[in-house]
């Protein structure tokens, strides 16, 4: 007794799985960039109403910061997955 109920089947093993730290870091970076991309939707709506070079410059600086962050993480090796040795 004391087992969890999963679709009427007995569990084969424990439910706790250990994930490597790189999965967590990759997920946090994804969430950070996803939130940044969500800021681009209101900017795209405002950009059609904006006049002058100022709005374009602000969007360009925003995208430049995102690109520099990706380059920084790439230089640090965050996007490289190490192979487990058997």
Protein backbone atom coordinates (compact mmCIF):
# COMPACT_ATOMS: atom_id res chain seq x y z
CA UNK A 1 0.00 0.00 0.00
CA UNK A 2 0.99 3.64 0.06
CA UNK A 3 1.52 3.66 -3.71
CA UNK A 4 0.23 6.38 -5.95
CA UNK A 5 -2.64 5.62 -8.31
CA UNK A 6 -1.71 6.14 -11.95
CA UNK A 7 -4.35 5.08 -14.46
CA UNK A 8 -4.94 1.80 -12.66
CA UNK A 9 -1.39 0.61 -13.25
CA UNK A 10 1.16 -0.16 -10.60
CA UNK A 11 4.20 2.14 -10.79
CA UNK A 12 7.43 0.50 -11.92
CA UNK A 13 9.77 2.80 -9.99
CA UNK A 14 9.83 5.92 -7.88
CA UNK A 15 8.46 9.15 -9.30
CA UNK A 16 11.51 11.25 -8.51
CA UNK A 17 13.93 11.69 -11.38
CA UNK A 18 17.19 13.59 -11.08
CA UNK A 19 17.79 16.02 -13.90
CA UNK A 20 21.16 17.45 -14.79
CA UNK A 21 21.68 21.11 -13.88
CA UNK A 22 22.12 22.06 -17.54
CA UNK A 23 18.44 21.29 -18.21
CA UNK A 24 17.42 23.80 -15.54
CA UNK A 25 19.78 26.48 -16.82
CA UNK A 26 18.59 25.96 -20.38
CA UNK A 27 14.95 26.23 -19.25
CA UNK A 28 15.61 29.46 -17.34
CA UNK A 29 17.38 31.02 -20.32
CA UNK A 30 14.48 29.98 -22.55
CA UNK A 31 11.96 31.59 -20.19
CA UNK A 32 13.98 34.80 -20.00
CA UNK A 33 14.15 35.14 -23.78
CA UNK A 34 10.51 34.14 -24.17
CA UNK A 35 9.43 36.98 -21.89
CA UNK A 36 11.66 39.38 -23.81
CA UNK A 37 10.09 38.33 -27.09
CA UNK A 38 6.64 38.94 -25.61
CA UNK A 39 7.62 42.59 -25.21
CA UNK A 40 8.02 42.81 -28.98
CA UNK A 41 4.30 42.31 -29.70
CA UNK A 42 3.12 45.60 -28.13
CA UNK A 43 6.10 47.36 -29.68
CA UNK A 44 5.12 46.05 -33.11
CA UNK A 45 1.62 47.45 -32.65
CA UNK A 46 2.95 50.83 -31.52
CA UNK A 47 5.61 50.96 -34.24
CA UNK A 48 3.03 51.52 -36.99
CA UNK A 49 1.78 54.64 -35.16
CA UNK A 50 5.20 56.00 -34.24
CA UNK A 51 6.90 58.61 -36.31
CA UNK A 52 10.56 59.30 -36.71
CA UNK A 53 13.75 57.40 -36.15
CA UNK A 54 13.43 57.20 -32.36
CA UNK A 55 11.07 54.19 -32.28
CA UNK A 56 13.26 52.25 -34.70
CA UNK A 57 16.34 53.03 -32.63
CA UNK A 58 14.68 51.78 -29.44
CA UNK A 59 13.63 48.50 -31.04
CA UNK A 60 17.08 48.08 -32.56
CA UNK A 61 18.78 48.60 -29.17
CA UNK A 62 16.40 46.10 -27.56
CA UNK A 63 17.15 43.46 -30.20
CA UNK A 64 20.87 44.24 -30.02
CA UNK A 65 20.87 43.56 -26.27
CA UNK A 66 19.09 40.24 -26.88
CA UNK A 67 21.60 39.29 -29.56
CA UNK A 68 24.52 40.19 -27.31
CA UNK A 69 23.04 38.05 -24.54
CA UNK A 70 22.80 35.08 -26.90
CA UNK A 71 26.40 35.60 -27.99
CA UNK A 72 27.51 35.86 -24.37
CA UNK A 73 25.77 32.61 -23.42
CA UNK A 74 27.20 30.91 -26.50
CA UNK A 75 30.72 32.07 -25.59
CA UNK A 76 30.24 30.72 -22.06
CA UNK A 77 29.26 27.34 -23.53
CA UNK A 78 25.77 27.27 -22.05
CA UNK A 79 24.23 25.89 -25.24
CA UNK A 80 26.71 23.00 -25.53
CA UNK A 81 25.56 19.69 -24.10
CA UNK A 82 28.26 17.47 -22.69
CA UNK A 83 28.03 13.79 -23.54
CA UNK A 84 27.89 11.35 -20.67
CA UNK A 85 30.73 8.87 -20.67
CA UNK A 86 29.57 5.25 -20.38
